């Protein structure tokens, strides 16, 4: 299984980006795909997740209403549409497959198991 992210870059606060995760070696219907981000010196955090079987989605509360995860089965690609970006969204963003995500009841967030396959990451920088 291979995952390749693209679409990162430098954007001003309030701007938008769309990240892509091209997946090969597994079909999207057979796996959760998660988006994660990491800032140097901090723990990696789950940003969003999409369920391969039922298209259920999960989001980190701080990105709800601004980020949207979706997929294209023909292209075997998962997207993360990011709008109204903030400086605190600056991080390296990774996509990953072969894990699971579950709602964290009461918190509006989600938790996740270990994911087996990871992309190389794409840098997102939000700055004026």
Protein backbone atom coordinates (compact mmCIF):
# COMPACT_ATOMS: atom_id res chain seq x y z
CA UNK A 1 0.00 0.00 0.00
CA UNK A 2 1.29 3.45 -0.89
CA UNK A 3 -0.09 6.88 -0.12
CA UNK A 4 1.12 10.12 -1.69
CA UNK A 5 -0.02 13.50 -0.40
CA UNK A 6 -0.01 16.70 -2.41
CA UNK A 7 -1.53 20.15 -2.32
CA UNK A 8 0.25 21.75 0.60
CA UNK A 9 1.75 25.21 0.45
CA UNK A 10 1.85 28.70 1.88
CA UNK A 11 -1.46 30.49 2.31
CA UNK A 12 -2.59 33.61 4.11
CA UNK A 13 -4.94 33.43 7.09
CA UNK A 14 -8.49 32.98 5.85
CA UNK A 15 -7.32 31.24 2.71
CA UNK A 16 -8.03 27.75 1.41
CA UNK A 17 -6.14 24.67 0.30
CA UNK A 18 -7.14 21.23 -0.89
CA UNK A 19 -4.91 18.33 0.05
CA UNK A 20 -4.98 15.12 -1.98
CA UNK A 21 -4.02 11.62 -0.91
CA UNK A 22 -3.50 9.25 -3.82
CA UNK A 23 -3.85 5.67 -2.54
CA UNK A 24 -2.58 2.56 -4.31
CA UNK A 25 -2.57 -1.09 -3.29
CA UNK A 26 -5.93 -0.98 -1.52
CA UNK A 27 -9.38 0.21 -2.51
CA UNK A 28 -10.93 3.02 -0.52
CA UNK A 29 -14.06 0.99 0.22
CA UNK A 30 -11.92 -1.43 2.22
CA UNK A 31 -10.26 1.00 4.60
CA UNK A 32 -10.59 4.04 6.77
CA UNK A 33 -8.36 6.89 5.60
CA UNK A 34 -7.25 9.39 8.17
CA UNK A 35 -5.65 12.82 7.94
CA UNK A 36 -3.17 13.73 10.65
CA UNK A 37 -0.91 16.70 11.31
CA UNK A 38 2.21 17.29 13.28
CA UNK A 39 4.16 20.32 14.39
CA UNK A 40 7.82 19.90 15.44
CA UNK A 41 8.02 19.22 19.13
CA UNK A 42 4.34 18.30 19.47
CA UNK A 43 2.41 15.07 19.28
CA UNK A 44 0.75 14.12 16.02
CA UNK A 45 -3.00 14.72 16.11
CA UNK A 46 -5.88 13.29 14.13
CA UNK A 47 -7.57 15.92 11.99
CA UNK A 48 -10.17 13.96 10.07
CA UNK A 49 -11.13 10.44 9.09
CA UNK A 50 -13.44 8.83 6.55
CA UNK A 51 -14.96 5.37 6.82
CA UNK A 52 -14.46 3.33 3.67
CA UNK A 53 -17.65 1.31 4.02
CA UNK A 54 -20.26 3.84 5.08
CA UNK A 55 -18.58 7.19 4.28
CA UNK A 56 -18.93 8.26 7.88
CA UNK A 57 -16.62 11.15 8.75
CA UNK A 58 -14.95 12.46 11.88
CA UNK A 59 -13.24 15.75 12.63
CA UNK A 60 -11.07 17.38 15.24
CA UNK A 61 -13.36 19.94 16.91
CA UNK A 62 -11.09 22.88 16.02
CA UNK A 63 -11.49 22.17 12.29
CA UNK A 64 -15.20 21.33 12.19
CA UNK A 65 -17.04 23.59 9.79
CA UNK A 66 -13.77 24.55 8.08
CA UNK A 67 -12.37 21.22 6.83
CA UNK A 68 -14.17 18.63 4.72
CA UNK A 69 -12.94 15.14 3.91
CA UNK A 70 -14.16 13.36 0.79
CA UNK A 71 -13.06 10.70 -1.63
CA UNK A 72 -13.12 9.82 -5.32
CA UNK A 73 -13.40 6.07 -5.83
CA UNK A 74 -12.48 6.26 -9.51
CA UNK A 75 -9.23 8.06 -8.74
CA UNK A 76 -8.75 6.15 -5.45
CA UNK A 77 -7.99 9.51 -3.88
CA UNK A 78 -9.05 11.11 -0.62
CA UNK A 79 -9.24 14.88 -0.29
CA UNK A 80 -9.09 17.29 2.62
CA UNK A 81 -10.66 20.61 1.70
CA UNK A 82 -9.46 23.28 4.14
CA UNK A 83 -11.11 26.68 4.33
CA UNK A 84 -10.70 29.72 6.57
CA UNK A 85 -7.22 28.54 7.48
CA UNK A 86 -5.63 29.84 10.64
CA UNK A 87 -1.97 30.13 11.67
CA UNK A 88 -2.53 27.30 14.17
CA UNK A 89 -3.33 24.98 11.25
CA UNK A 90 0.33 25.19 10.20
CA UNK A 91 1.80 21.68 10.27
CA UNK A 92 2.93 18.77 8.15
CA UNK A 93 -0.19 16.91 7.08
CA UNK A 94 -0.17 13.16 6.56
CA UNK A 95 -2.73 10.71 5.26
CA UNK A 96 -2.83 7.12 6.42
CA UNK A 97 -4.78 3.93 5.79
CA UNK A 98 -5.56 0.60 7.43
CA UNK A 99 -6.65 1.83 10.78
CA UNK A 100 -10.00 2.64 12.34
CA UNK A 101 -11.69 5.74 13.71
CA UNK A 102 -14.47 5.96 16.27
CA UNK A 103 -16.49 8.85 17.67
CA UNK A 104 -15.42 10.01 21.10
CA UNK A 105 -18.87 10.45 22.59
CA UNK A 106 -19.44 13.65 24.48
CA UNK A 107 -16.36 15.43 23.16
CA UNK A 108 -17.32 15.93 19.53
CA UNK A 109 -13.96 14.49 18.53
CA UNK A 110 -12.79 11.04 17.53
CA UNK A 111 -10.19 8.51 18.52
CA UNK A 112 -8.30 6.13 16.31
CA UNK A 113 -6.27 2.95 16.29
CA UNK A 114 -2.79 2.63 14.84
CA UNK A 115 -2.74 3.13 11.07
CA UNK A 116 -0.53 0.79 9.11
CA UNK A 117 0.44 2.77 6.00
CA UNK A 118 1.46 6.43 5.82
CA UNK A 119 2.27 8.99 3.20
CA UNK A 120 5.36 11.17 3.25
CA UNK A 121 3.52 14.30 4.36
CA UNK A 122 2.88 17.72 2.85
CA UNK A 123 3.67 21.04 4.52
CA UNK A 124 0.87 23.53 5.13
CA UNK A 125 1.93 26.98 6.29
CA UNK A 126 -0.62 29.64 7.17
CA UNK A 127 1.03 33.01 7.52
CA UNK A 128 0.67 36.60 6.41
